[in-house]
C-alpha atoms as a PDB file:
ATOM      1  CA  MET A   1       0.000   0.000   0.000  1.00  0.00           C
ATOM      2  CA  ARG A   2       1.169   3.523  -0.843  1.00  0.00           C
ATOM      3  CA  VAL A   3       0.215   6.269   1.624  1.00  0.00           C
ATOM      4  CA  PHE A   4       0.737   9.993   1.332  1.00  0.00           C
ATOM      5  CA  VAL A   5       0.706  12.227   4.394  1.00  0.00           C
ATOM      6  CA  ASP A   6       0.080  15.913   4.896  1.00  0.00           C
ATOM      7  CA  THR A   7       1.271  18.352   7.522  1.00  0.00           C
ATOM      8  CA  SER A   8      -1.799  17.842   9.706  1.00  0.00           C
ATOM      9  CA  PHE A   9      -0.699  14.204  10.078  1.00  0.00           C
ATOM     10  CA  LEU A  10       3.002  14.906  10.566  1.00  0.00           C
ATOM     11  CA  ILE A  11       2.762  17.505  13.345  1.00  0.00           C
ATOM     12  CA  PRO A  12       0.822  15.226  15.741  1.00  0.00           C
ATOM     13  CA  ALA A  13       3.250  12.434  14.880  1.00  0.00           C
ATOM     14  CA  PHE A  14       6.151  14.617  16.051  1.00  0.00           C
ATOM     15  CA  VAL A  15       4.514  16.321  19.041  1.00  0.00           C
ATOM     16  CA  GLU A  16       3.586  13.937  21.864  1.00  0.00           C
ATOM     17  CA  GLU A  17       1.445  16.585  23.569  1.00  0.00           C
ATOM     18  CA  HIS A  18      -0.715  16.983  20.453  1.00  0.00           C
ATOM     19  CA  PRO A  19      -4.245  15.596  20.979  1.00  0.00           C
ATOM     20  CA  ASN A  20      -3.978  13.513  17.772  1.00  0.00           C
ATOM     21  CA  HIS A  21      -0.540  12.048  18.537  1.00  0.00           C
ATOM     22  CA  GLN A  22      -1.832   8.596  19.548  1.00  0.00           C
ATOM     23  CA  ARG A  23      -3.936   8.345  16.389  1.00  0.00           C
ATOM     24  CA  THR A  24      -0.830   8.698  14.201  1.00  0.00           C
ATOM     25  CA  LEU A  25       1.182   5.986  15.944  1.00  0.00           C
ATOM     26  CA  PRO A  26      -0.218   2.905  14.150  1.00  0.00           C
ATOM     27  CA  TRP A  27       0.636   4.519  10.814  1.00  0.00           C
ATOM     28  CA  ILE A  28       4.056   5.638  11.994  1.00  0.00           C
ATOM     29  CA  ARG A  29       4.774   2.036  13.024  1.00  0.00           C
ATOM     30  CA  LYS A  30       3.726   0.802   9.573  1.00  0.00           C
ATOM     31  CA  ILE A  31       5.991   3.367   7.929  1.00  0.00           C
ATOM     32  CA  LEU A  32       8.962   2.515  10.177  1.00  0.00           C
ATOM     33  CA  ARG A  33       8.497  -1.218   9.563  1.00  0.00           C
ATOM     34  CA  LYS A  34       8.153  -0.532   5.836  1.00  0.00           C
ATOM     35  CA  ASN A  35       4.743  -2.203   5.764  1.00  0.00           C
ATOM     36  CA  VAL A  36       3.613   0.724   3.634  1.00  0.00           C
ATOM     37  CA  VAL A  37       5.415   2.941   1.150  1.00  0.00           C
ATOM     38  CA  ALA A  38       5.093   6.504   2.428  1.00  0.00           C
ATOM     39  CA  GLY A  39       5.312   9.767   0.547  1.00  0.00           C
ATOM     40  CA  LEU A  40       4.992  13.455   1.203  1.00  0.00           C
ATOM     41  CA  SER A  41       5.140  16.658  -0.772  1.00  0.00           C
ATOM     42  CA  SER A  42       8.327  18.693  -0.754  1.00  0.00           C
ATOM     43  CA  HIS A  43       6.128  21.616   0.267  1.00  0.00           C
ATOM     44  CA  SER A  44       5.198  19.769   3.463  1.00  0.00           C
ATOM     45  CA  ILE A  45       8.807  19.812   4.626  1.00  0.00           C
ATOM     46  CA  ALA A  46       8.731  23.611   4.869  1.00  0.00           C
ATOM     47  CA  GLU A  47       5.285  23.563   6.490  1.00  0.00           C
ATOM     48  CA  VAL A  48       6.459  21.078   9.129  1.00  0.00           C
ATOM     49  CA  TYR A  49       9.499  23.213   9.930  1.00  0.00           C
ATOM     50  CA  SER A  50       7.329  26.322  10.224  1.00  0.00           C
ATOM     51  CA  VAL A  51       4.857  24.678  12.590  1.00  0.00           C
ATOM     52  CA  LEU A  52       7.438  22.844  14.695  1.00  0.00           C
ATOM     53  CA  THR A  53       9.392  26.042  15.357  1.00  0.00           C
ATOM     54  CA  THR A  54       6.287  28.010  16.380  1.00  0.00           C
ATOM     55  CA  ILE A  55       4.001  25.471  18.058  1.00  0.00           C
ATOM     56  CA  PRO A  56       3.328  26.473  21.688  1.00  0.00           C
ATOM     57  CA  VAL A  57       4.877  23.521  23.520  1.00  0.00           C
ATOM     58  CA  LEU A  58       7.332  23.556  26.394  1.00  0.00           C
ATOM     59  CA  PRO A  59      10.161  23.274  25.937  1.00  0.00           C
ATOM     60  CA  ARG A  60      10.031  25.089  22.606  1.00  0.00           C
ATOM     61  CA  ILE A  61      11.329  23.240  19.573  1.00  0.00           C
ATOM     62  CA  SER A  62      14.434  25.075  18.406  1.00  0.00           C
ATOM     63  CA  PRO A  63      15.228  25.554  14.715  1.00  0.00           C
ATOM     64  CA  SER A  64      18.155  23.160  15.129  1.00  0.00           C
ATOM     65  CA  ALA A  65      15.960  20.497  16.748  1.00  0.00           C
ATOM     66  CA  ALA A  66      13.298  20.914  14.047  1.00  0.00           C
ATOM     67  CA  ASN A  67      15.958  20.456  11.388  1.00  0.00           C
ATOM     68  CA  GLN A  68      17.188  17.270  13.070  1.00  0.00           C
ATOM     69  CA  MET A  69      13.651  15.921  13.457  1.00  0.00           C
ATOM     70  CA  ILE A  70      12.895  16.513   9.798  1.00  0.00           C
ATOM     71  CA  SER A  71      16.212  15.090   8.575  1.00  0.00           C
ATOM     72  CA  LYS A  72      16.054  11.971  10.736  1.00  0.00           C
ATOM     73  CA  ASN A  73      12.354  11.188  10.420  1.00  0.00           C
ATOM     74  CA  LEU A  74      11.144  12.549   7.087  1.00  0.00           C
ATOM     75  CA  LEU A  75      13.988  12.837   4.628  1.00  0.00           C
ATOM     76  CA  SER A  76      15.280   9.340   5.329  1.00  0.00           C
ATOM     77  CA  ARG A  77      11.955   7.494   5.591  1.00  0.00           C
ATOM     78  CA  PHE A  78       9.568   9.114   3.107  1.00  0.00           C
ATOM     79  CA  ASN A  79       9.559   9.394  -0.643  1.00  0.00           C
ATOM     80  CA  ILE A  80       9.663  13.133  -1.255  1.00  0.00           C
ATOM     81  CA  ILE A  81       7.588  14.297  -4.199  1.00  0.00           C
ATOM     82  CA  GLU A  82       9.278  17.394  -5.594  1.00  0.00           C
ATOM     83  CA  LEU A  83       6.853  20.025  -6.807  1.00  0.00           C
ATOM     84  CA  THR A  84       7.661  21.905 -10.000  1.00  0.00           C
ATOM     85  CA  SER A  85       6.610  25.307 -11.279  1.00  0.00           C
ATOM     86  CA  ASP A  86       4.096  23.455 -13.473  1.00  0.00           C
ATOM     87  CA  ASP A  87       2.638  21.857 -10.326  1.00  0.00           C
ATOM     88  CA  TYR A  88       2.223  25.293  -8.743  1.00  0.00           C
ATOM     89  CA  CYS A  89       0.493  26.587 -11.891  1.00  0.00           C
ATOM     90  CA  GLN A  90      -1.754  23.503 -11.897  1.00  0.00           C
ATOM     91  CA  ALA A  91      -2.599  24.132  -8.222  1.00  0.00           C
ATOM     92  CA  ILE A  92      -3.612  27.725  -8.942  1.00  0.00           C
ATOM     93  CA  ARG A  93      -5.715  26.627 -11.921  1.00  0.00           C
ATOM     94  CA  LEU A  94      -7.436  23.919  -9.882  1.00  0.00           C
ATOM     95  CA  ALA A  95      -8.096  26.255  -6.957  1.00  0.00           C
ATOM     96  CA  GLY A  96      -9.563  28.817  -9.351  1.00  0.00           C
ATOM     97  CA  GLU A  97     -11.777  26.230 -11.051  1.00  0.00           C
ATOM     98  CA  ARG A  98     -13.061  25.007  -7.676  1.00  0.00           C
ATOM     99  CA  GLY A  99     -13.549  28.537  -6.294  1.00  0.00           C
ATOM    100  CA  LEU A 100     -11.074  27.879  -3.469  1.00  0.00           C
ATOM    101  CA  THR A 101      -9.432  30.799  -1.695  1.00  0.00           C
ATOM    102  CA  GLY A 102      -6.675  31.476   0.793  1.00  0.00           C
ATOM    103  CA  GLY A 103      -4.508  28.891   2.501  1.00  0.00           C
ATOM    104  CA  VAL A 104      -6.310  25.915   0.950  1.00  0.00           C
ATOM    105  CA  ILE A 105      -3.886  26.406  -1.962  1.00  0.00           C
ATOM    106  CA  PHE A 106      -1.275  24.634   0.176  1.00  0.00           C
ATOM    107  CA  ASP A 107      -3.573  21.619   0.466  1.00  0.00           C
ATOM    108  CA  VAL A 108      -3.995  21.703  -3.307  1.00  0.00           C
ATOM    109  CA  LEU A 109      -0.204  21.461  -3.638  1.00  0.00           C
ATOM    110  CA  ILE A 110      -0.147  18.489  -1.274  1.00  0.00           C
ATOM    111  CA  GLY A 111      -2.976  16.918  -3.254  1.00  0.00           C
ATOM    112  CA  ILE A 112      -0.995  17.256  -6.469  1.00  0.00           C
ATOM    113  CA  GLY A 113       1.874  15.432  -4.769  1.00  0.00           C
ATOM    114  CA  PHE A 114      -0.592  12.760  -3.618  1.00  0.00           C
ATOM    115  CA  GLU A 115      -1.720  12.208  -7.199  1.00  0.00           C
ATOM    116  CA  ARG A 116       1.837  12.199  -8.585  1.00  0.00           C
ATOM    117  CA  PHE A 117       2.876   9.643  -5.948  1.00  0.00           C
ATOM    118  CA  ASN A 118      -0.035   7.468  -7.109  1.00  0.00           C
ATOM    119  CA  ALA A 119      -0.945   6.789  -3.486  1.00  0.00           C
ATOM    120  CA  ASP A 120      -3.745   4.526  -2.378  1.00  0.00           C
ATOM    121  CA  MET A 121      -4.513   6.777   0.585  1.00  0.00           C
ATOM    122  CA  LEU A 122      -3.989  10.330   1.811  1.00  0.00           C
ATOM    123  CA  LEU A 123      -3.686  10.509   5.598  1.00  0.00           C
ATOM    124  CA  THR A 124      -4.869  13.840   6.971  1.00  0.00           C
ATOM    125  CA  PHE A 125      -6.788  15.403   9.827  1.00  0.00           C
ATOM    126  CA  ASN A 126      -8.052  17.956   7.305  1.00  0.00           C
ATOM    127  CA  ILE A 127     -10.448  15.731   5.377  1.00  0.00           C
ATOM    128  CA  ARG A 128     -13.014  18.365   4.387  1.00  0.00           C
ATOM    129  CA  ASP A 129     -10.596  20.560   2.469  1.00  0.00           C
ATOM    130  CA  PHE A 130      -9.084  17.642   0.577  1.00  0.00           C
ATOM    131  CA  ILE A 131     -12.534  16.362  -0.386  1.00  0.00           C
ATOM    132  CA  ARG A 132     -13.419  19.849  -1.677  1.00  0.00           C
ATOM    133  CA  ILE A 133     -10.253  19.780  -3.765  1.00  0.00           C
ATOM    134  CA  PHE A 134     -10.489  16.169  -4.990  1.00  0.00           C
ATOM    135  CA  PRO A 135     -14.119  15.025  -4.679  1.00  0.00           C
ATOM    136  CA  ASP A 136     -13.469  12.121  -7.050  1.00  0.00           C
ATOM    137  CA  ARG A 137     -10.845  10.726  -4.628  1.00  0.00           C
ATOM    138  CA  GLU A 138     -13.003  10.975  -1.478  1.00  0.00           C
ATOM    139  CA  ASN A 139     -12.696   7.253  -0.752  1.00  0.00           C
ATOM    140  CA  CYS A 140      -8.867   7.607  -0.625  1.00  0.00           C
ATOM    141  CA  ILE A 141      -8.819  10.520   1.841  1.00  0.00           C
ATOM    142  CA  GLN A 142      -8.662   9.159   5.378  1.00  0.00           C
ATOM    143  CA  SER A 143      -8.187  10.380   8.912  1.00  0.00           C
ATOM    144  CA  PRO A 144      -5.812   8.223  10.965  1.00  0.00           C
END
């Protein structure tokens, strides 16, 4: 099985205090054991760094620690789907066609990575936005 994850999945996986942390653990175990092939969008790497370095937890996650977490846990264990300028143009076109505004454009980018990875499932805690973006893939969009 091929699974693609978004930032809303990754942050709880990293942050034990997050209310959704426990829900991510079965999938993290599958990824670590290589029972599934996991992918993420290159855009998600920057989003994860941004959130990790600003999330209100104590002790704070330093930029150096966030870098180490990403390098050790994402870059070495996930297939990274690089987004191109054509992907960004496609995302803007799709958002415009669907009448989507604001920050949902970042979910559109992740969705394009999901499609390029040819994943069986997108793991997210943000199901509604992804269904608005890809209504024909609703059965593949799952919450952990």
